[in-house]
Structure formats: C-alpha cells, structure tokens
C-alpha atoms as a PDB file:
ATOM      1  CA  MET A   1     -20.248 -81.213 -31.220  1.00  0.00           C
ATOM      2  CA  ILE A   2     -16.924 -79.645 -30.311  1.00  0.00           C
ATOM      3  CA  VAL A   3     -15.434 -83.068 -29.578  1.00  0.00           C
ATOM      4  CA  VAL A   4     -16.567 -84.388 -32.966  1.00  0.00           C
ATOM      5  CA  GLY A   5     -14.989 -81.368 -34.670  1.00  0.00           C
ATOM      6  CA  LEU A   6     -11.696 -81.894 -32.848  1.00  0.00           C
ATOM      7  CA  VAL A   7     -11.611 -85.601 -33.667  1.00  0.00           C
ATOM      8  CA  LEU A   8     -12.376 -84.935 -37.325  1.00  0.00           C
ATOM      9  CA  SER A   9      -9.721 -82.207 -37.437  1.00  0.00           C
ATOM     10  CA  VAL A  10      -7.086 -84.561 -36.042  1.00  0.00           C
ATOM     11  CA  ALA A  11      -8.187 -87.254 -38.493  1.00  0.00           C
ATOM     12  CA  ALA A  12      -7.976 -84.806 -41.406  1.00  0.00           C
ATOM     13  CA  VAL A  13      -4.475 -83.656 -40.442  1.00  0.00           C
ATOM     14  CA  GLY A  14      -3.422 -87.289 -40.031  1.00  0.00           C
ATOM     15  CA  PHE A  15      -4.854 -88.121 -43.449  1.00  0.00           C
ATOM     16  CA  PHE A  16      -2.998 -85.218 -45.084  1.00  0.00           C
ATOM     17  CA  CYS A  17       0.259 -86.259 -43.410  1.00  0.00           C
ATOM     18  CA  TRP A  18      -0.210 -89.843 -44.605  1.00  0.00           C
ATOM     19  CA  LEU A  19      -0.988 -88.571 -48.109  1.00  0.00           C
ATOM     20  CA  LEU A  20       2.072 -86.330 -48.075  1.00  0.00           C
ATOM     21  CA  PHE A  21       4.415 -89.155 -47.106  1.00  0.00           C
ATOM     22  CA  THR A  22       2.819 -91.593 -49.554  1.00  0.00           C
ATOM     23  CA  LEU A  23       3.047 -89.227 -52.512  1.00  0.00           C
ATOM     24  CA  ALA A  24       6.507 -87.802 -51.707  1.00  0.00           C
ATOM     25  CA  ILE A  25       8.305 -89.740 -54.428  1.00  0.00           C
ATOM     26  CA  TYR A  26       5.970 -88.344 -57.084  1.00  0.00           C
ATOM     27  CA  ALA A  27       6.941 -84.680 -56.568  1.00  0.00           C
ATOM     28  CA  LEU A  28       9.559 -84.650 -59.340  1.00  0.00           C
ATOM     29  CA  PRO A  29       7.404 -86.473 -61.930  1.00  0.00           C
ATOM     30  CA  PHE A  30       4.503 -84.158 -61.094  1.00  0.00           C
ATOM     31  CA  PHE A  31       6.752 -81.102 -61.530  1.00  0.00           C
ATOM     32  CA  VAL A  32       8.025 -82.407 -64.877  1.00  0.00           C
ATOM     33  CA  GLY A  33       4.492 -83.243 -65.997  1.00  0.00           C
ATOM     34  CA  VAL A  34       3.127 -79.807 -65.120  1.00  0.00           C
ATOM     35  CA  ASN A  35       5.984 -78.056 -66.915  1.00  0.00           C
ATOM     36  CA  ALA A  36       5.553 -80.289 -69.973  1.00  0.00           C
ATOM     37  CA  ALA A  37       1.810 -79.558 -69.973  1.00  0.00           C
ATOM     38  CA  PHE A  38       2.407 -75.801 -69.906  1.00  0.00           C
ATOM     39  CA  PHE A  39       4.979 -76.112 -72.669  1.00  0.00           C
ATOM     40  CA  ALA A  40       2.627 -78.194 -74.813  1.00  0.00           C
ATOM     41  CA  TYR A  41      -0.345 -75.918 -74.136  1.00  0.00           C
ATOM     42  CA  HIS A  42       1.579 -72.776 -75.050  1.00  0.00           C
ATOM     43  CA  HIS A  43       2.677 -74.442 -78.282  1.00  0.00           C
ATOM     44  CA  ASP A  44      -0.934 -75.024 -79.393  1.00  0.00           C
ATOM     45  CA  ALA A  45      -1.389 -78.637 -78.267  1.00  0.00           C
ATOM     46  CA  GLY A  46      -4.770 -77.860 -76.703  1.00  0.00           C
ATOM     47  CA  VAL A  47      -6.033 -78.918 -73.302  1.00  0.00           C
ATOM     48  CA  ILE A  48      -6.326 -82.627 -74.076  1.00  0.00           C
ATOM     49  CA  GLY A  49      -2.941 -82.705 -75.794  1.00  0.00           C
ATOM     50  CA  ALA A  50      -1.307 -80.910 -72.877  1.00  0.00           C
ATOM     51  CA  PHE A  51      -2.895 -83.378 -70.454  1.00  0.00           C
ATOM     52  CA  LEU A  52      -1.595 -86.341 -72.462  1.00  0.00           C
ATOM     53  CA  VAL A  53       1.872 -84.801 -72.691  1.00  0.00           C
ATOM     54  CA  ALA A  54       1.841 -84.234 -68.922  1.00  0.00           C
ATOM     55  CA  LEU A  55       0.885 -87.851 -68.241  1.00  0.00           C
ATOM     56  CA  LEU A  56       3.542 -89.162 -70.597  1.00  0.00           C
ATOM     57  CA  ALA A  57       6.286 -86.885 -69.268  1.00  0.00           C
ATOM     58  CA  GLY A  58       5.489 -87.581 -65.616  1.00  0.00           C
ATOM     59  CA  PHE A  59       5.239 -91.333 -66.131  1.00  0.00           C
ATOM     60  CA  ALA A  60       8.467 -91.401 -68.147  1.00  0.00           C
ATOM     61  CA  THR A  61      10.286 -89.411 -65.468  1.00  0.00           C
ATOM     62  CA  LEU A  62       9.157 -91.779 -62.742  1.00  0.00           C
ATOM     63  CA  VAL A  63       9.948 -94.976 -64.657  1.00  0.00           C
ATOM     64  CA  ILE A  64      13.303 -93.800 -65.991  1.00  0.00           C
ATOM     65  CA  GLY A  65      14.333 -92.534 -62.558  1.00  0.00           C
ATOM     66  CA  GLN A  66      13.406 -95.786 -60.846  1.00  0.00           C
ATOM     67  CA  LEU A  67      15.106 -97.911 -63.504  1.00  0.00           C
ATOM     68  CA  ALA A  68      18.231 -95.775 -63.421  1.00  0.00           C
ATOM     69  CA  PHE A  69      18.361 -95.970 -59.635  1.00  0.00           C
ATOM     70  CA  ALA A  70      17.928 -99.743 -59.731  1.00  0.00           C
ATOM     71  CA  LEU A  71      20.442-100.413 -62.510  1.00  0.00           C
ATOM     72  CA  ILE A  72      23.260 -97.923 -61.859  1.00  0.00           C
ATOM     73  CA  ARG A  73      25.806 -99.187 -59.339  1.00  0.00           C
ATOM     74  CA  SER A  74      27.852 -96.014 -58.816  1.00  0.00           C
ATOM     75  CA  PRO A  75      27.056 -94.659 -55.342  1.00  0.00           C
ATOM     76  CA  LEU A  76      27.731 -91.078 -56.429  1.00  0.00           C
ATOM     77  CA  ILE A  77      25.329 -91.232 -59.373  1.00  0.00           C
ATOM     78  CA  ARG A  78      22.701 -93.007 -57.273  1.00  0.00           C
ATOM     79  CA  ALA A  79      23.002 -90.379 -54.553  1.00  0.00           C
ATOM     80  CA  THR A  80      22.646 -87.589 -57.124  1.00  0.00           C
ATOM     81  CA  LEU A  81      19.604 -89.268 -58.642  1.00  0.00           C
ATOM     82  CA  ALA A  82      18.032 -89.816 -55.231  1.00  0.00           C
ATOM     83  CA  LEU A  83      18.709 -86.173 -54.362  1.00  0.00           C
ATOM     84  CA  GLY A  84      16.973 -85.180 -57.597  1.00  0.00           C
ATOM     85  CA  PHE A  85      13.836 -86.991 -56.405  1.00  0.00           C
ATOM     86  CA  ALA A  86      14.142 -86.027 -52.730  1.00  0.00           C
ATOM     87  CA  ALA A  87      14.746 -82.275 -53.191  1.00  0.00           C
ATOM     88  CA  PRO A  88      11.364 -81.455 -54.810  1.00  0.00           C
ATOM     89  CA  ALA A  89       9.686 -83.739 -52.272  1.00  0.00           C
ATOM     90  CA  ALA A  90      11.372 -81.860 -49.431  1.00  0.00           C
ATOM     91  CA  ILE A  91      10.276 -78.516 -50.858  1.00  0.00           C
ATOM     92  CA  ALA A  92       6.711 -79.767 -51.224  1.00  0.00           C
ATOM     93  CA  GLY A  93       6.942 -81.207 -47.703  1.00  0.00           C
ATOM     94  CA  TYR A  94       8.056 -77.864 -46.316  1.00  0.00           C
ATOM     95  CA  TYR A  95       5.119 -75.969 -47.768  1.00  0.00           C
ATOM     96  CA  ALA A  96       2.594 -78.665 -46.913  1.00  0.00           C
ATOM     97  CA  SER A  97       3.895 -78.863 -43.339  1.00  0.00           C
ATOM     98  CA  PHE A  98       3.915 -75.092 -43.069  1.00  0.00           C
ATOM     99  CA  GLY A  99       0.319 -74.903 -44.245  1.00  0.00           C
ATOM    100  CA  LEU A 100      -0.851 -77.600 -41.844  1.00  0.00           C
ATOM    101  CA  LEU A 101       1.084 -76.111 -38.938  1.00  0.00           C
ATOM    102  CA  HIS A 102      -0.218 -72.636 -39.617  1.00  0.00           C
ATOM    103  CA  ILE A 103      -3.711 -73.916 -38.812  1.00  0.00           C
ATOM    104  CA  GLY A 104      -2.811 -74.314 -35.148  1.00  0.00           C
ATOM    105  CA  ILE A 105       0.303 -72.175 -34.609  1.00  0.00           C
ATOM    106  CA  SER A 106       0.185 -68.424 -35.161  1.00  0.00           C
ATOM    107  CA  SER A 107       3.938 -67.756 -34.923  1.00  0.00           C
ATOM    108  CA  GLN A 108       5.673 -67.706 -38.310  1.00  0.00           C
ATOM    109  CA  ASP A 109       9.010 -68.623 -36.741  1.00  0.00           C
ATOM    110  CA  TRP A 110       7.660 -71.742 -35.020  1.00  0.00           C
ATOM    111  CA  CYS A 111       5.820 -72.762 -38.184  1.00  0.00           C
ATOM    112  CA  SER A 112       9.001 -72.366 -40.218  1.00  0.00           C
ATOM    113  CA  GLY A 113      11.061 -74.344 -37.727  1.00  0.00           C
ATOM    114  CA  PHE A 114       8.636 -77.232 -37.563  1.00  0.00           C
ATOM    115  CA  ALA A 115       8.138 -77.105 -41.344  1.00  0.00           C
ATOM    116  CA  LEU A 116      11.890 -77.602 -41.798  1.00  0.00           C
ATOM    117  CA  VAL A 117      11.622 -80.770 -39.731  1.00  0.00           C
ATOM    118  CA  GLY A 118       8.646 -81.853 -41.838  1.00  0.00           C
ATOM    119  CA  ALA A 119      10.623 -81.163 -45.014  1.00  0.00           C
ATOM    120  CA  ALA A 120      13.498 -83.309 -43.763  1.00  0.00           C
ATOM    121  CA  PHE A 121      11.132 -86.184 -43.006  1.00  0.00           C
ATOM    122  CA  VAL A 122       9.381 -85.940 -46.366  1.00  0.00           C
ATOM    123  CA  GLY A 123      12.691 -85.732 -48.258  1.00  0.00           C
ATOM    124  CA  ALA A 124      14.030 -88.741 -46.365  1.00  0.00           C
ATOM    125  CA  THR A 125      10.825 -90.628 -47.103  1.00  0.00           C
ATOM    126  CA  ALA A 126      11.165 -89.939 -50.827  1.00  0.00           C
ATOM    127  CA  PHE A 127      14.800 -91.084 -50.715  1.00  0.00           C
ATOM    128  CA  LEU A 128      13.900 -94.303 -48.888  1.00  0.00           C
ATOM    129  CA  ARG A 129      10.960 -95.047 -51.188  1.00  0.00           C
ATOM    130  CA  LEU A 130      13.230 -94.661 -54.188  1.00  0.00           C
ATOM    131  CA  ALA A 131      15.816 -96.917 -52.544  1.00  0.00           C
ATOM    132  CA  ALA A 132      13.120 -99.573 -52.064  1.00  0.00           C
ATOM    133  CA  TYR A 133      13.094-100.153 -55.843  1.00  0.00           C
ATOM    134  CA  THR A 134      16.527-101.747 -55.711  1.00  0.00           C
ATOM    135  CA  LYS A 135      17.049-105.365 -54.946  1.00  0.00           C
ATOM    136  CA  PRO A 136      19.679-106.410 -52.414  1.00  0.00           C
ATOM    137  CA  GLN A 137      23.060-107.393 -53.765  1.00  0.00           C
ATOM    138  CA  PRO A 138      24.165-110.994 -53.301  1.00  0.00           C
ATOM    139  CA  ALA A 139      26.938-111.505 -50.804  1.00  0.00           C
ATOM    140  CA  THR A 140      30.379-111.788 -52.365  1.00  0.00           C
ATOM    141  CA  GLY A 141      33.107-114.078 -51.205  1.00  0.00           C
ATOM    142  CA  THR A 142      33.042-117.612 -49.970  1.00  0.00           C
ATOM    143  CA  PRO A 143      30.427-118.776 -47.516  1.00  0.00           C
ATOM    144  CA  ALA A 144      31.547-119.462 -43.974  1.00  0.00           C
ATOM    145  CA  VAL A 145      32.069-123.123 -43.175  1.00  0.00           C
ATOM    146  CA  HIS A 146      30.734-124.240 -39.804  1.00  0.00           C
ATOM    147  CA  SER A 147      32.357-127.278 -38.202  1.00  0.00           C
END
C-alpha cells in the first residue's frame, strides 16, 4: 500500500506541474476576470452577472493580448506585452511551486529557493506560449543563387 501511495503522490505532483505549465498563459486573463467579477458584483450585477462579466473580461484580455502580440512589430512593445502576461504567471508559479515543495521539504529557505526556480520556468513558459501565437516573418532580401 505504501508503494501505491508513493506512486500516486508522484503522479499527482506531476499532474499539477503539467497543469501549471499548461495554464501559465491564462494567469493575467484570470486575474482580470476575477477583478472584473468583484467590481460587477459590488455594483449590484448579481452572481450571474458577475460571472458573465468575468468571462467576458478574461476572454477579451486573452484575445486582445494575443492579437496585439501577433500584430505589433515593435520589439519593445512586444517585450512589454509579453512581460505583462509572464509576470502574473511567474507569481502564480512561485506560489504553486512553493505549495508543492512544502509537501516534501520542511525548510522555508529551500522551498523559497526552489520556488524561485519554478517561478522562472513558469514565467518563461508563459512568454514562450504567447510567442507561439506569432507567425514567422518571411525572409527579406534576394534568395541565394546556387551554381
């Protein structure tokens, strides 16, 4: 029974890590959606209205961010936009990594150190997933002539 528990624990941690990396790009839209829901709820929109506002705000944030990243050619603006999506993902990655690490490591310092590494990986994953929405630029110049 102990072996089954250990295998299931490793599988659960692996599943949560996969889930964390898969959902990293959605940290900013989720944050915007939750804040919009609270705003709508506190302005008498009701539970259903707040839920609909949250869905609309989160979806709009994700779509507008992806379109802006795909259409804007300025590297500085693209980097700022990617940082806007990667920073909340890195923060969420830090706390998720810290929580998962705290299951097996009792030292707060070691958990914090490893959680920083986890945050860097999750932030980089969000940046790379956002960059995947752009199509490659065609090569400029004349093609090489082979003789």
